[in-house]
Amino acid sequence: MSLDDATRQQLDSLVGSHSVLLFMKGNRDSPQCGFSATVIRMLDRLLPDYTTVDVLSDPGIRENIKVYSSWPTIPQLYVKGEFVGGCDIIQELFNSGELHESLGVEADAADAPAITVTPAASTALKSAIEQSGGSGRELHLGIDARYHASLSFDPENSADLAVEAGGIKLFLDPLSAGRANGVTIDVVETDRGPGFQIDNPNAPQVHPMSVSDLKQRLDAGEHFELLDVRSAEEHAKACISGSTRMIEEQEERLGALPKDALLVFHCHHGGRSQAAAEHFASLGFRNVHNVTGGIDAWSQEIDPSVPRY
């Protein structure tokens, strides 16, 4: 099977438009096969942001990318327009540190971080360790590039750092160790019963902004990015003067701004904009805000002429 010119140009454009591009089954937040999930876990450890293409949603790309890369399986990783490989190769490169180098991520040796494990968490973790049955896997604390934390039982790697806290031995890869100083692990009640809570003071923060504060900043002529993450239809119904809809071109423009730029996100009630704000905070932006109550609060408290819906 060979590719026609139009298909090759489509894939050339797709691969050339993104510095890190993963063809996978599913997406970053919901991988649909174990191999894709494995690669996502590795990339998440290294990068706060990269692009994925769901081949399940496009059968044409699913088959054509195999011909394009001369590689028979999915997932497939491209870095700076160059094909890297599939799951096994990516795992080998990750373990050797070569993937870090390809992605421009420094994997310097890290000092052992100070970690607190509360008595309740210590008891729960000891129980989990006993249940693991000494299978050759150690308890690992992972903190990815978006500062999402996880606990898992994995084989020990020679580069891992071991930390004793609350009578528990934790292993961390060097990148996680560099993000973990001051972490507290506790147990909290959830809808599904007791669960672990990992608080990390190093995680990027999203600050709430009231509509009255937003109004004062706008009236003062303060320069900042006011970003509306709602749909085009919602924006047409009601908008805050001076706001800009978050579309793909805006995301690329914002990514080039200084990391201390003031970014203010809003949506209808504040949920979608919180997620968008957290995304930009994870990219290293330090002055990120979410408008509490969204445009609905703006309509009620600031400008009743803006329609509610």
Protein backbone atom coordinates (compact mmCIF):
# COMPACT_ATOMS: atom_id res chain seq x y z
CA MET A 1 0.00 0.00 0.00
CA SER A 2 1.27 3.46 -0.88
CA LEU A 3 0.05 6.90 0.06
CA ASP A 4 -1.44 9.32 -2.42
CA ASP A 5 -0.05 12.85 -2.55
CA ALA A 6 -3.00 14.38 -0.66
CA THR A 7 -2.71 11.91 2.23
CA ARG A 8 1.05 12.34 2.47
CA GLN A 9 0.67 16.12 2.50
CA GLN A 10 -1.96 15.84 5.25
CA LEU A 11 0.34 13.75 7.43
CA ASP A 12 3.38 15.91 6.60
CA SER A 13 1.42 18.96 7.77
CA LEU A 14 0.20 17.24 10.93
CA VAL A 15 3.64 15.95 11.93
CA GLY A 16 5.36 19.22 11.01
CA SER A 17 2.93 21.40 12.97
CA HIS A 18 3.64 19.92 16.40
CA SER A 19 6.98 19.56 18.15
CA VAL A 20 5.77 16.46 20.06
CA LEU A 21 2.98 14.43 18.46
CA LEU A 22 1.63 11.06 19.56
CA PHE A 23 -0.66 8.95 17.40
CA MET A 24 -2.55 6.79 19.87
CA LYS A 25 -5.79 5.01 20.67
CA GLY A 26 -7.88 7.43 22.69
CA ASN A 27 -6.53 10.70 24.03
CA ARG A 28 -4.18 11.90 26.75
CA ASP A 29 -6.86 11.90 29.43
CA SER A 30 -8.49 8.65 28.33
CA PRO A 31 -6.14 6.22 26.55
CA GLN A 32 -7.99 3.27 25.03
CA CYS A 33 -5.25 0.62 25.06
CA GLY A 34 -2.51 -0.41 27.45
CA PHE A 35 0.34 0.51 25.10
CA SER A 36 -1.02 4.02 24.58
CA ALA A 37 -1.51 4.41 28.34
CA THR A 38 2.10 3.36 28.96
CA VAL A 39 3.47 5.98 26.55
CA ILE A 40 1.18 8.65 28.01
CA ARG A 41 2.53 7.95 31.51
CA MET A 42 6.10 8.41 30.29
CA LEU A 43 5.40 11.60 28.33
CA ASP A 44 3.40 13.04 31.23
CA ARG A 45 6.42 12.58 33.49
CA LEU A 46 8.48 14.69 31.10
CA LEU A 47 6.23 17.28 29.48
CA PRO A 48 3.38 19.51 30.65
CA ASP A 49 2.02 19.80 27.12
CA TYR A 50 2.10 17.82 23.89
CA THR A 51 -0.36 16.85 21.13
CA THR A 52 -2.17 13.56 20.64
CA VAL A 53 -4.16 12.23 17.68
CA ASP A 54 -6.87 9.64 18.34
CA VAL A 55 -6.58 7.10 15.52
CA LEU A 56 -9.81 5.41 16.65
CA SER A 57 -11.76 8.48 15.60
CA ASP A 58 -10.21 8.52 12.12
CA PRO A 59 -9.78 5.08 10.47
CA GLY A 60 -7.97 6.72 7.56
CA ILE A 61 -5.23 8.12 9.76
CA ARG A 62 -5.11 4.85 11.72
CA GLU A 63 -4.11 2.89 8.62
CA ASN A 64 -2.20 5.57 6.72
CA ILE A 65 0.12 6.51 9.58
CA LYS A 66 1.42 2.93 9.59
CA VAL A 67 2.40 3.29 5.94
CA TYR A 68 3.73 6.82 6.45
CA SER A 69 6.08 5.72 9.25
CA SER A 70 6.71 2.17 7.99
CA TRP A 71 5.74 1.03 11.47
CA PRO A 72 2.93 -1.53 11.94
CA THR A 73 1.57 -0.67 15.38
CA ILE A 74 0.01 2.15 17.42
CA PRO A 75 1.04 4.26 19.38
CA GLN A 76 3.64 6.15 17.37
CA LEU A 77 5.66 9.12 18.61
CA TYR A 78 7.08 11.97 16.52
CA VAL A 79 9.45 14.57 17.95
CA LYS A 80 10.32 17.65 15.90
CA GLY A 81 9.01 15.96 12.78
CA GLU A 82 11.08 12.80 13.26
CA PHE A 83 9.59 9.37 13.94
CA VAL A 84 10.81 8.00 17.29
CA GLY A 85 9.09 4.64 17.54
CA GLY A 86 6.38 2.63 19.24
CA CYS A 87 5.78 1.69 22.84
CA ASP A 88 8.74 -0.66 23.38
CA ILE A 89 11.27 1.70 21.81
CA ILE A 90 9.88 4.71 23.70
CA GLN A 91 10.14 2.76 26.96
CA GLU A 92 13.76 1.87 26.24
CA LEU A 93 14.58 5.50 25.44
CA PHE A 94 12.79 6.67 28.58
CA ASN A 95 14.70 4.24 30.83
CA SER A 96 18.05 5.18 29.26
CA GLY A 97 17.39 8.93 29.48
CA GLU A 98 17.62 9.37 25.71
CA LEU A 99 13.95 10.37 25.48
CA HIS A 100 14.59 13.14 28.01
CA GLU A 101 17.39 14.43 25.79
CA SER A 102 15.25 14.27 22.64
CA LEU A 103 12.52 16.27 24.34
CA GLY A 104 14.93 18.82 25.80
CA VAL A 105 14.20 17.76 29.39
CA GLU A 106 17.10 17.91 31.82
CA ALA A 107 17.23 14.86 34.07
CA ASP A 108 19.80 16.15 36.54
CA ALA A 109 20.39 14.30 39.78
CA ALA A 110 17.96 15.51 42.42
CA ASP A 111 18.33 15.73 46.17
CA ALA A 112 16.06 13.51 48.23
CA PRO A 113 12.92 15.60 48.89
CA ALA A 114 11.35 16.15 52.31
CA ILE A 115 8.05 14.26 52.35
CA THR A 116 5.47 13.94 55.13
CA VAL A 117 3.33 10.82 55.47
CA THR A 118 0.60 11.25 58.09
CA PRO A 119 -0.06 8.44 60.61
CA ALA A 120 -3.33 7.56 58.84
CA ALA A 121 -1.60 7.39 55.47
CA SER A 122 1.25 5.36 56.93
CA THR A 123 -1.17 2.75 58.26
CA ALA A 124 -3.00 2.55 54.93
CA LEU A 125 0.21 2.34 52.92
CA LYS A 126 1.67 -0.39 55.13
CA SER A 127 -1.50 -2.40 54.55
CA ALA A 128 -1.18 -1.87 50.78
CA ILE A 129 2.48 -2.93 50.87
CA GLU A 130 1.58 -6.12 52.76
CA GLN A 131 -1.16 -6.90 50.25
CA SER A 132 1.30 -6.45 47.38
CA GLY A 133 2.99 -9.61 48.71
CA GLY A 134 6.60 -8.63 48.03
CA SER A 135 6.21 -9.07 44.28
CA GLY A 136 9.49 -7.30 43.48
CA ARG A 137 7.70 -3.99 43.01
CA GLU A 138 8.35 -1.02 45.26
CA LEU A 139 6.01 1.82 46.27
CA HIS A 140 6.65 4.75 43.94
CA LEU A 141 5.52 8.35 44.19
CA GLY A 142 5.28 9.89 40.75
CA ILE A 143 4.73 13.57 40.01
CA ASP A 144 4.34 14.37 36.34
CA ALA A 145 5.13 17.60 34.50
CA ARG A 146 1.62 18.90 35.22
CA TYR A 147 2.19 18.13 38.92
CA HIS A 148 -0.38 15.33 38.93
CA ALA A 149 0.72 12.93 41.66
CA SER A 150 0.26 9.17 41.83
CA LEU A 151 1.21 6.23 44.02
CA SER A 152 1.97 2.89 42.35
CA PHE A 153 3.87 -0.34 42.78
CA ASP A 154 6.58 -0.55 40.11
CA PRO A 155 9.99 -2.21 39.73
CA GLU A 156 12.82 -0.18 41.21
CA ASN A 157 15.01 1.66 38.70
CA SER A 158 18.70 2.26 39.40
CA ALA A 159 18.13 6.01 39.01
CA ASP A 160 15.34 6.13 41.62
CA LEU A 161 15.76 7.96 44.92
CA ALA A 162 14.56 6.28 48.11
CA VAL A 163 12.93 8.43 50.81
CA GLU A 164 11.84 7.31 54.29
CA ALA A 165 8.76 9.10 55.64
CA GLY A 166 6.36 8.06 58.37
CA GLY A 167 7.80 4.56 58.46
CA ILE A 168 7.23 4.16 54.71
CA LYS A 169 9.91 3.77 52.06
CA LEU A 170 9.03 5.65 48.87
CA PHE A 171 10.87 5.57 45.56
CA LEU A 172 10.89 8.52 43.15
CA ASP A 173 12.43 9.00 39.74
CA PRO A 174 14.73 12.07 39.58
CA LEU A 175 12.17 14.30 37.85
CA SER A 176 9.47 13.44 40.39
CA ALA A 177 11.95 13.99 43.22
CA GLY A 178 12.67 17.49 41.91
CA ARG A 179 8.94 18.29 42.08
CA ALA A 180 8.18 16.64 45.44
CA ASN A 181 9.88 18.68 48.16
CA GLY A 182 7.32 19.48 50.87
CA VAL A 183 4.71 16.96 49.70
CA THR A 184 2.26 15.64 52.29
CA ILE A 185 0.47 12.31 51.84
CA ASP A 186 -2.73 11.85 53.85
CA VAL A 187 -5.94 9.80 53.82
CA VAL A 188 -9.29 11.49 53.21
CA GLU A 189 -12.87 10.32 52.84
CA THR A 190 -14.27 10.37 49.30
CA ASP A 191 -17.53 9.28 47.68
CA ARG A 192 -15.85 5.92 47.06
CA GLY A 193 -14.51 5.57 50.59
CA PRO A 194 -11.05 6.38 51.99
CA GLY A 195 -8.47 7.55 49.48
CA PHE A 196 -5.00 9.05 49.43
CA GLN A 197 -4.60 12.81 49.13
CA ILE A 198 -1.26 14.17 47.97
CA ASP A 199 -0.73 17.88 48.64
CA ASN A 200 2.15 19.49 46.80
CA PRO A 201 3.12 23.09 47.60
CA ASN A 202 5.16 23.21 44.38
CA ALA A 203 2.15 22.66 42.11
CA PRO A 204 1.22 25.65 39.94
CA GLN A 205 -1.64 27.63 41.46
CA VAL A 206 -4.79 29.08 39.91
CA HIS A 207 -6.02 32.13 41.80
CA PRO A 208 -9.73 33.00 42.07
CA MET A 209 -10.76 36.44 40.83
CA SER A 210 -14.09 37.98 41.78
CA VAL A 211 -16.15 39.79 39.16
CA SER A 212 -15.75 43.02 41.15
CA ASP A 213 -11.95 42.65 41.02
CA LEU A 214 -12.19 41.99 37.29
CA LYS A 215 -14.32 45.11 36.84
CA GLN A 216 -11.78 47.25 38.73
CA ARG A 217 -8.93 45.98 36.60
CA LEU A 218 -10.83 46.64 33.38
CA ASP A 219 -11.86 50.14 34.51
CA ALA A 220 -8.25 50.93 35.45
CA GLY A 221 -7.09 49.98 31.95
CA GLU A 222 -4.81 47.26 33.31
CA HIS A 223 -3.24 45.16 30.57
CA PHE A 224 -4.03 41.45 30.83
CA GLU A 225 -5.48 38.59 28.80
CA LEU A 226 -9.21 38.04 29.45
CA LEU A 227 -10.02 34.68 27.90
CA ASP A 228 -13.47 33.22 27.31
CA VAL A 229 -13.37 29.41 27.05
CA ARG A 230 -17.05 29.02 26.10
CA SER A 231 -18.38 28.01 22.71
CA ALA A 232 -18.88 30.48 19.86
CA GLU A 233 -22.64 30.22 20.37
CA GLU A 234 -22.39 31.11 24.06
CA HIS A 235 -20.04 34.00 23.34
CA ALA A 236 -22.53 35.35 20.79
CA LYS A 237 -25.32 35.23 23.40
CA ALA A 238 -23.40 37.10 26.09
CA CYS A 239 -19.85 38.37 26.50
CA ILE A 240 -17.72 40.58 28.68
CA SER A 241 -16.36 43.53 26.73
CA GLY A 242 -12.66 43.06 26.09
CA SER A 243 -12.70 39.27 26.32
CA THR A 244 -11.22 37.00 23.67
CA ARG A 245 -12.46 33.53 22.82
CA MET A 246 -9.99 30.73 23.45
CA ILE A 247 -9.43 29.11 20.08
CA GLU A 248 -6.42 27.16 18.86
CA GLU A 249 -4.68 30.23 17.46
CA GLN A 250 -5.02 31.98 20.82
CA GLU A 251 -3.44 29.06 22.64
CA GLU A 252 -0.40 29.22 20.37
CA ARG A 253 -0.12 32.99 20.91
CA LEU A 254 -0.44 32.69 24.68
CA GLY A 255 2.21 30.00 24.79
CA ALA A 256 4.76 32.53 23.53
CA LEU A 257 3.98 35.09 26.27
CA PRO A 258 6.27 35.66 29.29
CA LYS A 259 5.48 33.25 32.13
CA ASP A 260 4.55 36.15 34.43
CA ALA A 261 1.83 37.44 32.05
CA LEU A 262 -1.54 37.94 33.74
CA LEU A 263 -4.04 35.42 32.33
CA VAL A 264 -7.70 35.62 33.41
CA PHE A 265 -10.10 32.87 32.30
CA HIS A 266 -13.87 32.80 32.45
CA CYS A 267 -16.75 30.61 31.26
CA HIS A 268 -20.45 30.37 32.16
CA HIS A 269 -20.10 29.48 35.84
CA GLY A 270 -16.37 28.86 36.37
CA GLY A 271 -15.87 25.12 35.86
CA ARG A 272 -14.54 24.97 32.31
CA SER A 273 -12.38 28.03 32.86
CA GLN A 274 -10.86 26.48 35.99
CA ALA A 275 -9.69 23.53 33.89
CA ALA A 276 -8.27 25.86 31.23
CA ALA A 277 -6.51 27.95 33.87
CA GLU A 278 -4.99 24.84 35.45
CA HIS A 279 -3.68 23.81 32.04
CA PHE A 280 -1.82 27.10 31.57
CA ALA A 281 -0.57 27.05 35.15
CA SER A 282 0.87 23.60 34.43
CA LEU A 283 2.78 25.13 31.50
CA GLY A 284 4.65 27.36 33.94
CA PHE A 285 2.50 30.51 33.92
CA ARG A 286 2.63 32.03 37.40
CA ASN A 287 -0.10 34.67 37.29
CA VAL A 288 -3.20 32.69 36.30
CA HIS A 289 -6.70 33.53 37.53
CA ASN A 290 -10.19 32.09 37.16
CA VAL A 291 -13.28 34.32 37.39
CA THR A 292 -15.45 33.03 40.24
CA GLY A 293 -19.01 32.44 39.07
CA GLY A 294 -18.14 33.18 35.44
CA ILE A 295 -20.17 35.44 33.19
CA ASP A 296 -23.32 34.54 35.10
CA ALA A 297 -21.91 36.31 38.19
CA TRP A 298 -20.85 39.22 35.96
CA SER A 299 -24.45 39.57 34.72
CA GLN A 300 -25.88 39.46 38.24
CA GLU A 301 -23.35 41.60 40.09
CA ILE A 302 -21.75 43.94 37.54
CA ASP A 303 -23.64 44.39 34.27
CA PRO A 304 -27.31 43.33 34.11
CA SER A 305 -27.38 44.24 30.40
CA VAL A 306 -25.36 41.11 29.69
CA PRO A 307 -27.98 38.39 29.12
CA ARG A 308 -28.19 35.40 31.45
CA TYR A 309 -28.83 31.97 29.99
